[in-house]
Amino acid sequence: MTLHLWWLFVVAVFLLCGTPGPNMLHVMTRSVAFGARRSIAAMAGCLCALVLVLAASAAGVSALLAAWPRVFDALRYAGVAYLVLLGIKAWRGAGAPVDVGSDALPVAASARRLFRGGFVIGISNPKLLLFAAAFLPQFVDRGSPQAPQFAILVVTFAVVESFWYGVYAMCGRTLARHLRRPALRRGFDRATGGIFIGFGAALLGTHA
């Protein structure tokens, strides 16, 4: 691909990744609860899922989903269920104040569990797979070897996505300082819970 085409891809992905979505919201809420540094495990889980989905899309898995709508539907319903579950859990949060000075990571939120939660969030959205299948090829020169070009696009996407994870994590850490009061924390939990449920509803309306 030409340098000009790559820069167009960078700008498009920068705007796309900066738009709030399930991954970004998940990273921000993990940062609110555990701090930006400890939310890195959640970021890693989301990023691994994203790279896996993009690589699968580049490899042509999206064609399988398009040919077998029931596979897409199964993944879609699983993603909807998980997002709604996260929304319900957030909505029913205890509203406990955030201790922004604590360095102790609760046993119930180990790095492994944070990674797993981020990975499930990222991998449970089949809409990303189909989107990538339609989006990535627009920036590939069909007259040149495609594998190296797709590799460049996936790596670029991952780097930009990581940048925005950091931005949302820092915003979450700043927000945590304002959530010491239980009433404010309860309002935040309910707002994020409603957004997660909204993402689930949007995913439910997606068709292969």
N, C-alpha and C. Protein backbone atom coordinates (compact mmCIF):
# COMPACT_ATOMS: atom_id res chain seq x y z
N MET A 1 0.85 -1.19 0.00
CA MET A 1 0.00 0.00 0.00
C MET A 1 0.88 1.24 0.00
N THR A 2 0.33 2.34 -0.47
CA THR A 2 1.09 3.59 -0.48
C THR A 2 1.06 4.23 0.90
N LEU A 3 2.02 5.12 1.15
CA LEU A 3 2.07 5.82 2.44
C LEU A 3 0.82 6.67 2.64
N HIS A 4 0.36 7.26 1.57
CA HIS A 4 -0.85 8.09 1.65
C HIS A 4 -2.05 7.25 2.09
N LEU A 5 -2.19 6.07 1.51
CA LEU A 5 -3.30 5.20 1.87
C LEU A 5 -3.19 4.75 3.33
N TRP A 6 -1.96 4.50 3.78
CA TRP A 6 -1.76 4.09 5.17
C TRP A 6 -2.15 5.21 6.13
N TRP A 7 -1.80 6.44 5.78
CA TRP A 7 -2.17 7.56 6.64
C TRP A 7 -3.68 7.75 6.70
N LEU A 8 -4.35 7.53 5.60
CA LEU A 8 -5.81 7.58 5.61
C LEU A 8 -6.37 6.53 6.57
N PHE A 9 -5.75 5.35 6.55
CA PHE A 9 -6.17 4.28 7.46
C PHE A 9 -5.93 4.70 8.91
N VAL A 10 -4.78 5.29 9.19
CA VAL A 10 -4.46 5.72 10.56
C VAL A 10 -5.49 6.73 11.05
N VAL A 11 -5.83 7.71 10.23
CA VAL A 11 -6.81 8.73 10.64
C VAL A 11 -8.17 8.10 10.88
N ALA A 12 -8.59 7.22 9.97
CA ALA A 12 -9.90 6.57 10.13
C ALA A 12 -9.95 5.73 11.40
N VAL A 13 -8.88 4.97 11.65
CA VAL A 13 -8.85 4.11 12.83
C VAL A 13 -8.75 4.94 14.10
N PHE A 14 -8.03 6.05 14.05
CA PHE A 14 -7.91 6.92 15.22
C PHE A 14 -9.27 7.43 15.65
N LEU A 15 -10.07 7.86 14.69
CA LEU A 15 -11.42 8.35 15.00
C LEU A 15 -12.32 7.21 15.44
N LEU A 16 -12.19 6.08 14.78
CA LEU A 16 -13.02 4.92 15.11
C LEU A 16 -12.74 4.43 16.53
N CYS A 17 -11.47 4.25 16.86
CA CYS A 17 -11.11 3.71 18.18
C CYS A 17 -11.45 4.69 19.31
N GLY A 18 -11.39 5.99 19.00
CA GLY A 18 -11.68 6.97 20.04
C GLY A 18 -13.15 7.05 20.41
N THR A 19 -14.01 6.48 19.56
CA THR A 19 -15.45 6.48 19.85
C THR A 19 -15.74 5.51 20.99
N PRO A 20 -16.45 5.97 22.03
CA PRO A 20 -16.74 5.06 23.16
C PRO A 20 -17.46 3.81 22.72
N GLY A 21 -16.96 2.67 23.15
CA GLY A 21 -17.57 1.38 22.86
C GLY A 21 -17.38 0.45 24.04
N PRO A 22 -17.81 -0.79 23.93
CA PRO A 22 -17.69 -1.72 25.07
C PRO A 22 -16.26 -1.86 25.59
N ASN A 23 -15.27 -1.94 24.70
CA ASN A 23 -13.89 -2.10 25.16
C ASN A 23 -13.43 -0.89 25.95
N MET A 24 -13.66 0.30 25.39
CA MET A 24 -13.20 1.52 26.05
C MET A 24 -13.91 1.72 27.38
N LEU A 25 -15.20 1.46 27.39
CA LEU A 25 -15.95 1.62 28.64
C LEU A 25 -15.47 0.63 29.68
N HIS A 26 -15.16 -0.59 29.24
CA HIS A 26 -14.67 -1.60 30.18
C HIS A 26 -13.33 -1.19 30.77
N VAL A 27 -12.43 -0.69 29.94
CA VAL A 27 -11.12 -0.23 30.43
C VAL A 27 -11.30 0.91 31.42
N MET A 28 -12.19 1.84 31.11
CA MET A 28 -12.38 2.98 32.00
C MET A 28 -12.95 2.55 33.35
N THR A 29 -13.92 1.64 33.34
CA THR A 29 -14.50 1.20 34.61
C THR A 29 -13.50 0.39 35.43
N ARG A 30 -12.64 -0.39 34.77
CA ARG A 30 -11.60 -1.12 35.50
C ARG A 30 -10.60 -0.13 36.12
N SER A 31 -10.33 0.95 35.42
CA SER A 31 -9.42 1.97 35.95
C SER A 31 -10.04 2.68 37.14
N VAL A 32 -11.34 2.94 37.07
CA VAL A 32 -12.05 3.57 38.19
C VAL A 32 -11.95 2.68 39.43
N ALA A 33 -12.15 1.39 39.23
CA ALA A 33 -12.19 0.47 40.37
C ALA A 33 -10.81 0.13 40.92
N PHE A 34 -9.80 -0.02 40.04
CA PHE A 34 -8.51 -0.55 40.49
C PHE A 34 -7.32 0.33 40.17
N GLY A 35 -7.54 1.43 39.44
CA GLY A 35 -6.43 2.28 39.08
C GLY A 35 -5.93 1.99 37.68
N ALA A 36 -5.32 3.00 37.06
CA ALA A 36 -4.87 2.86 35.67
C ALA A 36 -3.83 1.75 35.52
N ARG A 37 -2.88 1.67 36.47
CA ARG A 37 -1.82 0.67 36.34
C ARG A 37 -2.39 -0.74 36.43
N ARG A 38 -3.32 -0.96 37.33
CA ARG A 38 -3.86 -2.31 37.51
C ARG A 38 -4.90 -2.67 36.45
N SER A 39 -5.32 -1.67 35.69
CA SER A 39 -6.27 -1.97 34.61
C SER A 39 -5.54 -2.44 33.35
N ILE A 40 -4.21 -2.48 33.39
CA ILE A 40 -3.44 -2.91 32.22
C ILE A 40 -3.81 -4.34 31.83
N ALA A 41 -4.10 -5.19 32.81
CA ALA A 41 -4.49 -6.57 32.50
C ALA A 41 -5.78 -6.59 31.68
N ALA A 42 -6.74 -5.73 32.03
CA ALA A 42 -7.98 -5.65 31.26
C ALA A 42 -7.70 -5.14 29.85
N MET A 43 -6.81 -4.15 29.75
CA MET A 43 -6.44 -3.63 28.43
C MET A 43 -5.83 -4.74 27.58
N ALA A 44 -4.94 -5.53 28.19
CA ALA A 44 -4.28 -6.62 27.46
C ALA A 44 -5.30 -7.63 26.96
N GLY A 45 -6.32 -7.94 27.78
CA GLY A 45 -7.35 -8.88 27.36
C GLY A 45 -8.14 -8.36 26.18
N CYS A 46 -8.55 -7.07 26.27
CA CYS A 46 -9.30 -6.47 25.16
C CYS A 46 -8.46 -6.44 23.89
N LEU A 47 -7.17 -6.09 24.04
CA LEU A 47 -6.31 -5.97 22.87
C LEU A 47 -6.05 -7.32 22.22
N CYS A 48 -5.84 -8.35 23.03
CA CYS A 48 -5.63 -9.70 22.47
C CYS A 48 -6.85 -10.15 21.68
N ALA A 49 -8.03 -9.88 22.23
CA ALA A 49 -9.26 -10.25 21.52
C ALA A 49 -9.37 -9.48 20.21
N LEU A 50 -9.05 -8.19 20.26
CA LEU A 50 -9.14 -7.36 19.06
C LEU A 50 -8.20 -7.88 17.96
N VAL A 51 -6.95 -8.15 18.33
CA VAL A 51 -5.98 -8.64 17.34
C VAL A 51 -6.42 -9.99 16.78
N LEU A 52 -6.95 -10.85 17.64
CA LEU A 52 -7.42 -12.15 17.19
C LEU A 52 -8.56 -12.01 16.19
N VAL A 53 -9.50 -11.10 16.49
CA VAL A 53 -10.64 -10.89 15.60
C VAL A 53 -10.18 -10.31 14.26
N LEU A 54 -9.29 -9.33 14.31
CA LEU A 54 -8.80 -8.72 13.08
C LEU A 54 -8.03 -9.74 12.23
N ALA A 55 -7.20 -10.54 12.90
CA ALA A 55 -6.44 -11.56 12.17
C ALA A 55 -7.38 -12.60 11.55
N ALA A 56 -8.40 -12.99 12.32
CA ALA A 56 -9.37 -13.96 11.80
C ALA A 56 -10.11 -13.39 10.61
N SER A 57 -10.45 -12.11 10.71
CA SER A 57 -11.14 -11.47 9.60
C SER A 57 -10.27 -11.45 8.35
N ALA A 58 -8.99 -11.10 8.55
CA ALA A 58 -8.06 -11.06 7.42
C ALA A 58 -7.88 -12.45 6.81
N ALA A 59 -8.01 -13.47 7.64
CA ALA A 59 -7.83 -14.85 7.16
C ALA A 59 -9.08 -15.39 6.47
N GLY A 60 -10.16 -14.63 6.52
CA GLY A 60 -11.35 -15.04 5.79
C GLY A 60 -12.42 -15.71 6.62
N VAL A 61 -12.29 -15.67 7.97
CA VAL A 61 -13.32 -16.29 8.81
C VAL A 61 -14.66 -15.58 8.63
N SER A 62 -14.61 -14.29 8.33
CA SER A 62 -15.85 -13.54 8.15
C SER A 62 -16.71 -14.13 7.03
N ALA A 63 -16.07 -14.72 6.02
CA ALA A 63 -16.84 -15.35 4.94
C ALA A 63 -17.65 -16.52 5.46
N LEU A 64 -17.08 -17.22 6.46
CA LEU A 64 -17.80 -18.34 7.07
C LEU A 64 -19.04 -17.84 7.80
N LEU A 65 -18.89 -16.74 8.53
CA LEU A 65 -20.03 -16.19 9.26
C LEU A 65 -21.11 -15.71 8.30
N ALA A 66 -20.68 -15.11 7.18
CA ALA A 66 -21.65 -14.63 6.20
C ALA A 66 -22.39 -15.81 5.56
N ALA A 67 -21.68 -16.94 5.37
CA ALA A 67 -22.29 -18.10 4.73
C ALA A 67 -23.15 -18.90 5.71
N TRP A 68 -22.83 -18.79 7.00
CA TRP A 68 -23.57 -19.54 8.03
C TRP A 68 -24.13 -18.57 9.06
N PRO A 69 -25.27 -17.95 8.75
CA PRO A 69 -25.86 -16.96 9.66
C PRO A 69 -26.10 -17.48 11.07
N ARG A 70 -26.33 -18.78 11.20
CA ARG A 70 -26.60 -19.31 12.54
C ARG A 70 -25.37 -19.23 13.44
N VAL A 71 -24.18 -19.35 12.84
CA VAL A 71 -22.95 -19.19 13.62
C VAL A 71 -22.85 -17.76 14.12
N PHE A 72 -23.14 -16.82 13.23
CA PHE A 72 -23.14 -15.41 13.62
C PHE A 72 -24.14 -15.16 14.72
N ASP A 73 -25.34 -15.71 14.56
CA ASP A 73 -26.38 -15.50 15.57
C ASP A 73 -25.96 -16.05 16.92
N ALA A 74 -25.32 -17.22 16.93
CA ALA A 74 -24.88 -17.81 18.20
C ALA A 74 -23.88 -16.89 18.90
N LEU A 75 -22.91 -16.37 18.13
CA LEU A 75 -21.93 -15.45 18.71
C LEU A 75 -22.59 -14.15 19.15
N ARG A 76 -23.53 -13.69 18.34
CA ARG A 76 -24.20 -12.43 18.66
C ARG A 76 -24.99 -12.55 19.96
N TYR A 77 -25.73 -13.63 20.11
CA TYR A 77 -26.52 -13.80 21.33
C TYR A 77 -25.63 -13.96 22.56
N ALA A 78 -24.50 -14.65 22.38
CA ALA A 78 -23.56 -14.79 23.50
C ALA A 78 -23.00 -13.43 23.90
N GLY A 79 -22.68 -12.61 22.89
CA GLY A 79 -22.17 -11.27 23.18
C GLY A 79 -23.21 -10.40 23.86
N VAL A 80 -24.44 -10.48 23.38
CA VAL A 80 -25.53 -9.71 23.99
C VAL A 80 -25.70 -10.11 25.45
N ALA A 81 -25.72 -11.41 25.70
CA ALA A 81 -25.93 -11.90 27.07
C ALA A 81 -24.83 -11.41 28.00
N TYR A 82 -23.59 -11.44 27.52
CA TYR A 82 -22.47 -11.02 28.38
C TYR A 82 -22.53 -9.52 28.66
N LEU A 83 -22.82 -8.72 27.65
CA LEU A 83 -22.90 -7.28 27.84
C LEU A 83 -24.04 -6.91 28.79
N VAL A 84 -25.18 -7.56 28.63
CA VAL A 84 -26.31 -7.29 29.53
C VAL A 84 -25.98 -7.72 30.96
N LEU A 85 -25.28 -8.85 31.09
CA LEU A 85 -24.88 -9.30 32.42
C LEU A 85 -23.96 -8.28 33.09
N LEU A 86 -23.00 -7.76 32.32
CA LEU A 86 -22.11 -6.73 32.86
C LEU A 86 -22.91 -5.48 33.26
N GLY A 87 -23.88 -5.13 32.41
CA GLY A 87 -24.70 -3.97 32.72
C GLY A 87 -25.49 -4.14 33.99
N ILE A 88 -26.06 -5.32 34.19
CA ILE A 88 -26.83 -5.59 35.41
C ILE A 88 -25.94 -5.55 36.64
N LYS A 89 -24.75 -6.14 36.52
CA LYS A 89 -23.82 -6.12 37.64
C LYS A 89 -23.41 -4.70 38.00
N ALA A 90 -23.14 -3.89 36.98
CA ALA A 90 -22.76 -2.50 37.24
C ALA A 90 -23.93 -1.72 37.85
N TRP A 91 -25.12 -1.93 37.31
CA TRP A 91 -26.30 -1.21 37.81
C TRP A 91 -26.57 -1.54 39.27
N ARG A 92 -26.34 -2.80 39.65
CA ARG A 92 -26.63 -3.23 41.01
C ARG A 92 -25.43 -3.09 41.93
N GLY A 93 -24.42 -2.29 41.50
CA GLY A 93 -23.23 -2.08 42.32
C GLY A 93 -23.61 -1.51 43.67
N ALA A 94 -22.78 -1.78 44.67
CA ALA A 94 -23.08 -1.36 46.04
C ALA A 94 -22.93 0.14 46.23
N GLY A 95 -22.31 0.83 45.28
CA GLY A 95 -22.14 2.25 45.43
C GLY A 95 -21.09 2.61 46.47
N ALA A 96 -20.16 1.70 46.72
CA ALA A 96 -19.12 1.96 47.70
C ALA A 96 -18.16 3.01 47.18
N PRO A 97 -17.65 3.89 48.04
CA PRO A 97 -16.72 4.90 47.58
C PRO A 97 -15.44 4.28 47.06
N VAL A 98 -14.79 4.94 46.12
CA VAL A 98 -13.56 4.44 45.54
C VAL A 98 -12.37 4.88 46.38
N ASP A 99 -11.54 3.93 46.76
CA ASP A 99 -10.32 4.24 47.50
C ASP A 99 -9.19 4.40 46.50
N VAL A 100 -8.93 5.66 46.10
CA VAL A 100 -7.94 5.90 45.05
C VAL A 100 -6.53 5.77 45.56
N GLY A 101 -6.35 5.60 46.86
CA GLY A 101 -5.01 5.51 47.38
C GLY A 101 -4.58 4.09 47.67
N SER A 102 -5.46 3.12 47.46
CA SER A 102 -5.15 1.74 47.79
C SER A 102 -4.33 1.09 46.69
N ASP A 103 -3.30 0.35 47.09
CA ASP A 103 -2.47 -0.37 46.13
C ASP A 103 -2.79 -1.85 46.12
N ALA A 104 -3.69 -2.29 46.98
CA ALA A 104 -4.00 -3.71 47.09
C ALA A 104 -5.06 -4.09 46.06
N LEU A 105 -4.78 -5.10 45.31
CA LEU A 105 -5.74 -5.60 44.32
C LEU A 105 -6.59 -6.67 44.97
N PRO A 106 -7.91 -6.50 45.01
CA PRO A 106 -8.78 -7.49 45.64
C PRO A 106 -8.58 -8.87 45.03
N VAL A 107 -8.70 -9.89 45.87
CA VAL A 107 -8.51 -11.26 45.41
C VAL A 107 -9.50 -11.59 44.29
N ALA A 108 -10.73 -11.04 44.40
CA ALA A 108 -11.76 -11.34 43.41
C ALA A 108 -11.48 -10.68 42.07
N ALA A 109 -10.46 -9.81 42.01
CA ALA A 109 -10.15 -9.12 40.77
C ALA A 109 -8.66 -9.27 40.48
N SER A 110 -8.19 -10.49 40.39
CA SER A 110 -6.79 -10.75 40.09
C SER A 110 -6.49 -10.32 38.67
N ALA A 111 -5.20 -10.21 38.36
CA ALA A 111 -4.80 -9.81 37.02
C ALA A 111 -5.34 -10.79 35.98
N ARG A 112 -5.34 -12.08 36.32
CA ARG A 112 -5.86 -13.09 35.40
C ARG A 112 -7.34 -12.88 35.14
N ARG A 113 -8.08 -12.57 36.20
CA ARG A 113 -9.52 -12.36 36.03
C ARG A 113 -9.80 -11.08 35.24
N LEU A 114 -9.02 -10.04 35.48
CA LEU A 114 -9.18 -8.80 34.72
C LEU A 114 -8.88 -9.04 33.24
N PHE A 115 -7.83 -9.80 32.97
CA PHE A 115 -7.49 -10.13 31.58
C PHE A 115 -8.62 -10.91 30.92
N ARG A 116 -9.14 -11.91 31.64
CA ARG A 116 -10.21 -12.74 31.09
C ARG A 116 -11.46 -11.90 30.80
N GLY A 117 -11.79 -10.99 31.72
CA GLY A 117 -12.96 -10.14 31.50
C GLY A 117 -12.80 -9.26 30.27
N GLY A 118 -11.60 -8.68 30.10
CA GLY A 118 -11.36 -7.85 28.92
C GLY A 118 -11.41 -8.66 27.64
N PHE A 119 -10.85 -9.88 27.69
CA PHE A 119 -10.84 -10.73 26.50
C PHE A 119 -12.26 -11.10 26.09
N VAL A 120 -13.09 -11.47 27.05
CA VAL A 120 -14.47 -11.86 26.73
C VAL A 120 -15.24 -10.68 26.14
N ILE A 121 -15.03 -9.48 26.70
CA ILE A 121 -15.68 -8.29 26.16
C ILE A 121 -15.33 -8.12 24.68
N GLY A 122 -14.03 -8.25 24.37
CA GLY A 122 -13.59 -8.02 23.00
C GLY A 122 -14.00 -9.11 22.04
N ILE A 123 -13.96 -10.36 22.48
CA ILE A 123 -14.19 -11.48 21.58
C ILE A 123 -15.67 -11.75 21.36
N SER A 124 -16.53 -11.19 22.21
CA SER A 124 -17.96 -11.51 22.15
C SER A 124 -18.73 -10.61 21.18
N ASN A 125 -18.03 -9.84 20.37
CA ASN A 125 -18.71 -8.94 19.44
C ASN A 125 -18.44 -9.37 17.99
N PRO A 126 -19.27 -10.22 17.43
CA PRO A 126 -19.06 -10.67 16.04
C PRO A 126 -19.22 -9.54 15.04
N LYS A 127 -19.86 -8.45 15.45
CA LYS A 127 -20.02 -7.31 14.56
C LYS A 127 -18.65 -6.77 14.15
N LEU A 128 -17.68 -6.82 15.06
CA LEU A 128 -16.33 -6.36 14.75
C LEU A 128 -15.71 -7.19 13.64
N LEU A 129 -15.98 -8.48 13.65
CA LEU A 129 -15.42 -9.37 12.63
C LEU A 129 -15.92 -9.00 11.25
N LEU A 130 -17.22 -8.78 11.13
CA LEU A 130 -17.79 -8.42 9.83
C LEU A 130 -17.38 -7.02 9.42
N PHE A 131 -17.28 -6.11 10.40
CA PHE A 131 -16.84 -4.76 10.10
C PHE A 131 -15.41 -4.77 9.55
N ALA A 132 -14.55 -5.54 10.22
CA ALA A 132 -13.16 -5.62 9.77
C ALA A 132 -13.07 -6.20 8.37
N ALA A 133 -13.93 -7.16 8.07
CA ALA A 133 -13.92 -7.78 6.74
C ALA A 133 -14.28 -6.77 5.66
N ALA A 134 -15.13 -5.80 6.00
CA ALA A 134 -15.53 -4.80 5.02
C ALA A 134 -14.58 -3.60 5.02
N PHE A 135 -13.92 -3.34 6.17
CA PHE A 135 -13.12 -2.13 6.34
C PHE A 135 -11.67 -2.32 5.88
N LEU A 136 -11.03 -3.38 6.34
CA LEU A 136 -9.61 -3.57 6.06
C LEU A 136 -9.28 -3.67 4.57
N PRO A 137 -10.06 -4.42 3.78
CA PRO A 137 -9.71 -4.58 2.36
C PRO A 137 -9.70 -3.26 1.58
N GLN A 138 -10.38 -2.22 2.08
CA GLN A 138 -10.42 -0.95 1.38
C GLN A 138 -9.04 -0.29 1.31
N PHE A 139 -8.13 -0.73 2.19
CA PHE A 139 -6.80 -0.10 2.26
C PHE A 139 -5.70 -1.05 1.77
N VAL A 140 -6.08 -2.08 1.04
CA VAL A 140 -5.12 -3.07 0.55
C VAL A 140 -5.00 -2.96 -0.96
N ASP A 141 -3.76 -2.96 -1.43
CA ASP A 141 -3.49 -2.96 -2.87
C ASP A 141 -3.62 -4.39 -3.38
N ARG A 142 -4.65 -4.65 -4.18
CA ARG A 142 -4.92 -6.01 -4.65
C ARG A 142 -3.81 -6.52 -5.58
N GLY A 143 -3.04 -5.60 -6.16
CA GLY A 143 -2.01 -6.02 -7.08
C GLY A 143 -0.70 -6.40 -6.41
N SER A 144 -0.62 -6.28 -5.08
CA SER A 144 0.59 -6.62 -4.33
C SER A 144 0.27 -7.73 -3.34
N PRO A 145 1.30 -8.40 -2.80
CA PRO A 145 1.05 -9.44 -1.79
C PRO A 145 0.20 -8.89 -0.64
N GLN A 146 -0.87 -9.59 -0.32
CA GLN A 146 -1.84 -9.04 0.63
C GLN A 146 -1.49 -9.34 2.09
N ALA A 147 -0.86 -10.47 2.36
CA ALA A 147 -0.57 -10.84 3.74
C ALA A 147 0.24 -9.77 4.48
N PRO A 148 1.35 -9.26 3.90
CA PRO A 148 2.11 -8.21 4.60
C PRO A 148 1.28 -6.94 4.83
N GLN A 149 0.41 -6.62 3.86
CA GLN A 149 -0.42 -5.42 4.01
C GLN A 149 -1.43 -5.58 5.15
N PHE A 150 -2.06 -6.74 5.20
CA PHE A 150 -3.01 -6.98 6.29
C PHE A 150 -2.29 -6.97 7.64
N ALA A 151 -1.07 -7.49 7.67
CA ALA A 151 -0.30 -7.49 8.92
C ALA A 151 -0.03 -6.06 9.38
N ILE A 152 0.33 -5.19 8.44
CA ILE A 152 0.58 -3.79 8.77
C ILE A 152 -0.69 -3.12 9.31
N LEU A 153 -1.81 -3.40 8.66
CA LEU A 153 -3.08 -2.81 9.08
C LEU A 153 -3.47 -3.27 10.48
N VAL A 154 -3.32 -4.56 10.76
CA VAL A 154 -3.68 -5.10 12.08
C VAL A 154 -2.79 -4.51 13.16
N VAL A 155 -1.49 -4.44 12.90
CA VAL A 155 -0.57 -3.86 13.88
C VAL A 155 -0.89 -2.39 14.12
N THR A 156 -1.16 -1.66 13.05
CA THR A 156 -1.51 -0.25 13.18
C THR A 156 -2.77 -0.07 14.01
N PHE A 157 -3.77 -0.88 13.72
CA PHE A 157 -5.03 -0.83 14.47
C PHE A 157 -4.77 -1.09 15.95
N ALA A 158 -3.94 -2.09 16.25
CA ALA A 158 -3.65 -2.44 17.64
C ALA A 158 -2.92 -1.32 18.37
N VAL A 159 -1.99 -0.66 17.69
CA VAL A 159 -1.25 0.44 18.32
C VAL A 159 -2.18 1.61 18.64
N VAL A 160 -3.04 1.97 17.68
CA VAL A 160 -3.98 3.08 17.90
C VAL A 160 -4.97 2.73 19.01
N GLU A 161 -5.44 1.50 18.99
CA GLU A 161 -6.37 1.05 20.03
C GLU A 161 -5.72 1.12 21.41
N SER A 162 -4.45 0.73 21.51
CA SER A 162 -3.73 0.78 22.78
C SER A 162 -3.61 2.21 23.28
N PHE A 163 -3.35 3.14 22.37
CA PHE A 163 -3.28 4.55 22.75
C PHE A 163 -4.57 5.00 23.42
N TRP A 164 -5.70 4.65 22.80
CA TRP A 164 -6.98 5.07 23.35
C TRP A 164 -7.29 4.36 24.66
N TYR A 165 -6.83 3.11 24.82
CA TYR A 165 -6.99 2.45 26.11
C TYR A 165 -6.33 3.27 27.20
N GLY A 166 -5.11 3.75 26.92
CA GLY A 166 -4.40 4.56 27.90
C GLY A 166 -5.15 5.84 28.23
N VAL A 167 -5.72 6.47 27.21
CA VAL A 167 -6.48 7.71 27.43
C VAL A 167 -7.69 7.44 28.33
N TYR A 168 -8.44 6.39 28.01
CA TYR A 168 -9.63 6.08 28.79
C TYR A 168 -9.27 5.63 30.20
N ALA A 169 -8.15 4.92 30.35
CA ALA A 169 -7.72 4.49 31.67
C ALA A 169 -7.36 5.69 32.53
N MET A 170 -6.65 6.67 31.98
CA MET A 170 -6.28 7.86 32.74
C MET A 170 -7.51 8.68 33.09
N CYS A 171 -8.46 8.74 32.15
CA CYS A 171 -9.72 9.45 32.45
C CYS A 171 -10.45 8.75 33.59
N GLY A 172 -10.42 7.43 33.57
CA GLY A 172 -11.07 6.68 34.63
C GLY A 172 -10.42 6.93 35.97
N ARG A 173 -9.09 7.01 36.00
CA ARG A 173 -8.38 7.27 37.25
C ARG A 173 -8.72 8.66 37.78
N THR A 174 -8.80 9.63 36.88
CA THR A 174 -9.19 10.98 37.29
C THR A 174 -10.62 10.99 37.81
N LEU A 175 -11.49 10.27 37.10
CA LEU A 175 -12.89 10.21 37.51
C LEU A 175 -13.02 9.57 38.89
N ALA A 176 -12.16 8.61 39.19
CA ALA A 176 -12.24 7.91 40.47
C ALA A 176 -12.09 8.87 41.64
N ARG A 177 -11.32 9.92 41.46
CA ARG A 177 -11.11 10.89 42.54
C ARG A 177 -12.39 11.63 42.89
N HIS A 178 -13.32 11.65 41.95
CA HIS A 178 -14.59 12.34 42.18
C HIS A 178 -15.70 11.38 42.62
N LEU A 179 -15.34 10.11 42.79
CA LEU A 179 -16.36 9.12 43.13
C LEU A 179 -16.19 8.59 44.55
N ARG A 180 -15.60 9.39 45.41
CA ARG A 180 -15.45 8.97 46.80
C ARG A 180 -16.79 8.90 47.51
N ARG A 181 -17.73 9.75 47.07
CA ARG A 181 -19.04 9.76 47.70
C ARG A 181 -19.89 8.61 47.15
N PRO A 182 -20.49 7.81 48.04
CA PRO A 182 -21.29 6.65 47.59
C PRO A 182 -22.39 7.02 46.60
N ALA A 183 -23.03 8.19 46.80
CA ALA A 183 -24.12 8.57 45.91
C ALA A 183 -23.62 8.79 44.49
N LEU A 184 -22.45 9.42 44.35
CA LEU A 184 -21.88 9.65 43.03
C LEU A 184 -21.44 8.33 42.40
N ARG A 185 -20.86 7.44 43.21
CA ARG A 185 -20.43 6.14 42.69
C ARG A 185 -21.64 5.34 42.21
N ARG A 186 -22.73 5.42 42.97
CA ARG A 186 -23.93 4.69 42.57
C ARG A 186 -24.46 5.23 41.23
N GLY A 187 -24.43 6.55 41.06
CA GLY A 187 -24.87 7.14 39.81
C GLY A 187 -23.99 6.71 38.65
N PHE A 188 -22.67 6.65 38.90
CA PHE A 188 -21.74 6.21 37.85
C PHE A 188 -22.00 4.76 37.49
N ASP A 189 -22.19 3.89 38.50
CA ASP A 189 -22.45 2.47 38.24
C ASP A 189 -23.71 2.29 37.40
N ARG A 190 -24.74 3.05 37.72
CA ARG A 190 -25.98 2.90 36.99
C ARG A 190 -25.87 3.44 35.56
N ALA A 191 -25.10 4.51 35.40
CA ALA A 191 -24.91 5.05 34.06
C ALA A 191 -24.14 4.07 33.18
N THR A 192 -23.03 3.53 33.71
CA THR A 192 -22.25 2.58 32.92
C THR A 192 -23.03 1.29 32.69
N GLY A 193 -23.81 0.87 33.69
CA GLY A 193 -24.64 -0.31 33.51
C GLY A 193 -25.64 -0.12 32.38
N GLY A 194 -26.25 1.06 32.34
CA GLY A 194 -27.20 1.34 31.28
C GLY A 194 -26.54 1.37 29.91
N ILE A 195 -25.30 1.89 29.86
CA ILE A 195 -24.59 1.95 28.58
C ILE A 195 -24.24 0.54 28.09
N PHE A 196 -23.77 -0.32 29.00
CA PHE A 196 -23.46 -1.69 28.62
C PHE A 196 -24.70 -2.39 28.07
N ILE A 197 -25.82 -2.20 28.75
CA ILE A 197 -27.06 -2.81 28.29
C ILE A 197 -27.45 -2.24 26.92
N GLY A 198 -27.19 -0.95 26.72
CA GLY A 198 -27.46 -0.33 25.43
C GLY A 198 -26.61 -0.92 24.32
N PHE A 199 -25.32 -1.18 24.64
CA PHE A 199 -24.45 -1.83 23.66
C PHE A 199 -24.99 -3.22 23.31
N GLY A 200 -25.48 -3.93 24.33
CA GLY A 200 -26.04 -5.25 24.08
C GLY A 200 -27.25 -5.18 23.17
N ALA A 201 -28.11 -4.19 23.41
CA ALA A 201 -29.30 -4.01 22.57
C ALA A 201 -28.91 -3.68 21.13
N ALA A 202 -27.87 -2.85 20.98
CA ALA A 202 -27.41 -2.50 19.63
C ALA A 202 -26.85 -3.72 18.91
N LEU A 203 -26.12 -4.55 19.64
CA LEU A 203 -25.56 -5.77 19.05
C LEU A 203 -26.67 -6.74 18.66
N LEU A 204 -27.74 -6.76 19.44
CA LEU A 204 -28.86 -7.67 19.15
C LEU A 204 -29.50 -7.33 17.81
N GLY A 205 -29.41 -6.06 17.42
CA GLY A 205 -30.02 -5.64 16.16
C GLY A 205 -29.11 -5.82 14.96
N THR A 206 -27.91 -6.39 15.18
CA THR A 206 -26.97 -6.59 14.10
C THR A 206 -27.32 -7.86 13.32
N HIS A 207 -27.23 -7.79 12.01
CA HIS A 207 -27.53 -8.96 11.19
C HIS A 207 -26.35 -9.25 10.28
N ALA A 208 -26.10 -10.52 10.07
CA ALA A 208 -24.99 -10.90 9.20
C ALA A 208 -25.29 -10.54 7.77
